Amino acid sequence: MTALSSQSGNNVPGSEIVDKVLKKKPRVSRKEARRSAREIQLERELQAERLERQAERETFERRTKQFEEQIEIQQSKLQTQDTKFEEMEASQHRLGATVRDLAARMAGNNN
């Protein structure tokens, strides 16, 4: 403090020197302090809400992806079943033709 006083000479009031030494912070009224505290609280609440929404969105996206994968699996199974059904119908037609051919041969042998 004495060093600052001797450097600045007698032109600087003692209160300014004390302020420089103590590095006083600007005064904040109680109203401003309450408002700042409220703003901080609101910011925290807003951040918590953002995080919650982000978590919900990620959960929704994950479940949507799972459902899409399940749909693809079911569509693949349906396609496989359709193919097997078509193969069975073709086999049934071949078997029917074979039975008719055998019946015709047997009818021809009996005459």
C-alpha atoms as a PDB file:
ATOM      1  CA  MET A   1       0.000   0.000   0.000  1.00  0.00           C
ATOM      2  CA  THR A   2       2.841   2.366   0.832  1.00  0.00           C
ATOM      3  CA  ALA A   3       4.510   1.467  -2.487  1.00  0.00           C
ATOM      4  CA  LEU A   4       1.367   2.458  -4.403  1.00  0.00           C
ATOM      5  CA  SER A   5       1.080   5.623  -2.360  1.00  0.00           C
ATOM      6  CA  SER A   6       4.663   6.648  -3.094  1.00  0.00           C
ATOM      7  CA  GLN A   7       4.329   5.793  -6.818  1.00  0.00           C
ATOM      8  CA  SER A   8       1.168   7.793  -7.326  1.00  0.00           C
ATOM      9  CA  GLY A   9       2.225  10.709  -5.221  1.00  0.00           C
ATOM     10  CA  ASN A  10      -0.298  12.655  -3.209  1.00  0.00           C
ATOM     11  CA  ASN A  11      -2.750  13.055  -6.100  1.00  0.00           C
ATOM     12  CA  VAL A  12      -4.540   9.720  -5.567  1.00  0.00           C
ATOM     13  CA  PRO A  13      -6.984   9.501  -2.671  1.00  0.00           C
ATOM     14  CA  GLY A  14      -6.296   6.862  -0.050  1.00  0.00           C
ATOM     15  CA  SER A  15      -9.613   5.104  -0.746  1.00  0.00           C
ATOM     16  CA  GLU A  16      -8.527   4.363  -4.327  1.00  0.00           C
ATOM     17  CA  ILE A  17      -5.242   2.953  -3.100  1.00  0.00           C
ATOM     18  CA  VAL A  18      -7.105   0.757  -0.621  1.00  0.00           C
ATOM     19  CA  ASP A  19      -9.430  -0.391  -3.412  1.00  0.00           C
ATOM     20  CA  LYS A  20      -6.458  -1.276  -5.627  1.00  0.00           C
ATOM     21  CA  VAL A  21      -4.692  -3.150  -2.842  1.00  0.00           C
ATOM     22  CA  LEU A  22      -7.761  -5.041  -1.706  1.00  0.00           C
ATOM     23  CA  LYS A  23      -9.007  -5.405  -5.286  1.00  0.00           C
ATOM     24  CA  LYS A  24     -12.523  -4.624  -4.232  1.00  0.00           C
ATOM     25  CA  LYS A  25     -15.237  -6.050  -6.367  1.00  0.00           C
ATOM     26  CA  PRO A  26     -18.023  -3.789  -7.507  1.00  0.00           C
ATOM     27  CA  ARG A  27     -20.889  -3.724  -5.060  1.00  0.00           C
ATOM     28  CA  VAL A  28     -23.965  -5.724  -5.970  1.00  0.00           C
ATOM     29  CA  SER A  29     -27.289  -4.859  -4.473  1.00  0.00           C
ATOM     30  CA  ARG A  30     -29.360  -7.551  -2.779  1.00  0.00           C
ATOM     31  CA  LYS A  31     -31.957  -7.233  -5.520  1.00  0.00           C
ATOM     32  CA  GLU A  32     -29.300  -7.853  -8.180  1.00  0.00           C
ATOM     33  CA  ALA A  33     -27.888 -10.756  -6.172  1.00  0.00           C
ATOM     34  CA  ARG A  34     -31.351 -12.349  -5.860  1.00  0.00           C
ATOM     35  CA  ARG A  35     -31.979 -11.819  -9.560  1.00  0.00           C
ATOM     36  CA  SER A  36     -28.640 -13.374 -10.401  1.00  0.00           C
ATOM     37  CA  ALA A  37     -29.347 -16.333  -8.133  1.00  0.00           C
ATOM     38  CA  ARG A  38     -32.768 -16.743  -9.753  1.00  0.00           C
ATOM     39  CA  GLU A  39     -31.205 -16.543 -13.219  1.00  0.00           C
ATOM     40  CA  ILE A  40     -28.681 -19.197 -12.236  1.00  0.00           C
ATOM     41  CA  GLN A  41     -31.472 -21.416 -10.893  1.00  0.00           C
ATOM     42  CA  LEU A  42     -33.523 -20.942 -14.071  1.00  0.00           C
ATOM     43  CA  GLU A  43     -30.475 -21.724 -16.200  1.00  0.00           C
ATOM     44  CA  ARG A  44     -29.894 -24.932 -14.235  1.00  0.00           C
ATOM     45  CA  GLU A  45     -33.544 -25.926 -14.616  1.00  0.00           C
ATOM     46  CA  LEU A  46     -33.401 -25.180 -18.335  1.00  0.00           C
ATOM     47  CA  GLN A  47     -30.220 -27.232 -18.708  1.00  0.00           C
ATOM     48  CA  ALA A  48     -31.797 -30.134 -16.789  1.00  0.00           C
ATOM     49  CA  GLU A  49     -34.854 -29.970 -19.030  1.00  0.00           C
ATOM     50  CA  ARG A  50     -32.654 -29.942 -22.146  1.00  0.00           C
ATOM     51  CA  LEU A  51     -30.754 -32.986 -20.913  1.00  0.00           C
ATOM     52  CA  GLU A  52     -34.014 -34.781 -20.133  1.00  0.00           C
ATOM     53  CA  ARG A  53     -35.407 -34.018 -23.594  1.00  0.00           C
ATOM     54  CA  GLN A  54     -32.176 -35.144 -25.214  1.00  0.00           C
ATOM     55  CA  ALA A  55     -32.315 -38.430 -23.270  1.00  0.00           C
ATOM     56  CA  GLU A  56     -35.954 -38.902 -24.319  1.00  0.00           C
ATOM     57  CA  ARG A  57     -35.068 -38.176 -27.949  1.00  0.00           C
ATOM     58  CA  GLU A  58     -32.180 -40.660 -27.847  1.00  0.00           C
ATOM     59  CA  THR A  59     -34.450 -43.304 -26.299  1.00  0.00           C
ATOM     60  CA  PHE A  60     -37.088 -42.639 -28.965  1.00  0.00           C
ATOM     61  CA  GLU A  61     -34.502 -42.886 -31.756  1.00  0.00           C
ATOM     62  CA  ARG A  62     -33.067 -46.106 -30.303  1.00  0.00           C
ATOM     63  CA  ARG A  63     -36.511 -47.701 -30.003  1.00  0.00           C
ATOM     64  CA  THR A  64     -37.451 -46.547 -33.508  1.00  0.00           C
ATOM     65  CA  LYS A  65     -34.305 -48.200 -34.858  1.00  0.00           C
ATOM     66  CA  GLN A  66     -35.127 -51.408 -32.968  1.00  0.00           C
ATOM     67  CA  PHE A  67     -38.668 -51.432 -34.381  1.00  0.00           C
ATOM     68  CA  GLU A  68     -37.351 -50.823 -37.901  1.00  0.00           C
ATOM     69  CA  GLU A  69     -34.952 -53.756 -37.482  1.00  0.00           C
ATOM     70  CA  GLN A  70     -37.804 -55.958 -36.234  1.00  0.00           C
ATOM     71  CA  ILE A  71     -39.922 -54.920 -39.225  1.00  0.00           C
ATOM     72  CA  GLU A  72     -37.097 -55.866 -41.595  1.00  0.00           C
ATOM     73  CA  ILE A  73     -36.714 -59.259 -39.893  1.00  0.00           C
ATOM     74  CA  GLN A  74     -40.477 -59.916 -40.116  1.00  0.00           C
ATOM     75  CA  GLN A  75     -40.552 -58.857 -43.780  1.00  0.00           C
ATOM     76  CA  SER A  76     -37.677 -61.229 -44.495  1.00  0.00           C
ATOM     77  CA  LYS A  77     -39.520 -64.063 -42.738  1.00  0.00           C
ATOM     78  CA  LEU A  78     -42.679 -63.301 -44.719  1.00  0.00           C
ATOM     79  CA  GLN A  79     -40.715 -63.333 -47.960  1.00  0.00           C
ATOM     80  CA  THR A  80     -39.216 -66.711 -47.029  1.00  0.00           C
ATOM     81  CA  GLN A  81     -42.666 -68.083 -46.201  1.00  0.00           C
ATOM     82  CA  ASP A  82     -44.083 -66.738 -49.474  1.00  0.00           C
ATOM     83  CA  THR A  83     -41.258 -68.459 -51.375  1.00  0.00           C
ATOM     84  CA  LYS A  84     -41.878 -71.749 -49.537  1.00  0.00           C
ATOM     85  CA  PHE A  85     -45.618 -71.471 -50.207  1.00  0.00           C
ATOM     86  CA  GLU A  86     -44.986 -70.923 -53.929  1.00  0.00           C
ATOM     87  CA  GLU A  87     -42.627 -73.923 -53.950  1.00  0.00           C
ATOM     88  CA  MET A  88     -45.287 -76.043 -52.217  1.00  0.00           C
ATOM     89  CA  GLU A  89     -47.934 -74.960 -54.736  1.00  0.00           C
ATOM     90  CA  ALA A  90     -45.611 -75.846 -57.623  1.00  0.00           C
ATOM     91  CA  SER A  91     -44.859 -79.196 -56.000  1.00  0.00           C
ATOM     92  CA  GLN A  92     -48.587 -79.799 -55.512  1.00  0.00           C
ATOM     93  CA  HIS A  93     -49.241 -79.075 -59.210  1.00  0.00           C
ATOM     94  CA  ARG A  94     -46.426 -81.463 -60.235  1.00  0.00           C
ATOM     95  CA  LEU A  95     -47.785 -84.134 -57.894  1.00  0.00           C
ATOM     96  CA  GLY A  96     -51.301 -83.646 -59.288  1.00  0.00           C
ATOM     97  CA  ALA A  97     -49.965 -83.982 -62.839  1.00  0.00           C
ATOM     98  CA  THR A  98     -48.096 -87.128 -61.831  1.00  0.00           C
ATOM     99  CA  VAL A  99     -51.242 -88.614 -60.232  1.00  0.00           C
ATOM    100  CA  ARG A 100     -53.304 -87.804 -63.342  1.00  0.00           C
ATOM    101  CA  ASP A 101     -50.619 -89.362 -65.554  1.00  0.00           C
ATOM    102  CA  LEU A 102     -50.539 -92.497 -63.429  1.00  0.00           C
ATOM    103  CA  ALA A 103     -54.337 -92.687 -63.431  1.00  0.00           C
ATOM    104  CA  ALA A 104     -54.364 -92.374 -67.202  1.00  0.00           C
ATOM    105  CA  ARG A 105     -51.742 -95.110 -67.577  1.00  0.00           C
ATOM    106  CA  MET A 106     -53.642 -97.402 -65.236  1.00  0.00           C
ATOM    107  CA  ALA A 107     -56.858 -96.758 -67.131  1.00  0.00           C
ATOM    108  CA  GLY A 108     -55.029 -97.563 -70.401  1.00  0.00           C
ATOM    109  CA  ASN A 109     -53.562-100.778 -69.013  1.00  0.00           C
ATOM    110  CA  ASN A 110     -56.941-101.961 -67.762  1.00  0.00           C
ATOM    111  CA  ASN A 111     -58.614-101.708 -71.177  1.00  0.00           C
END
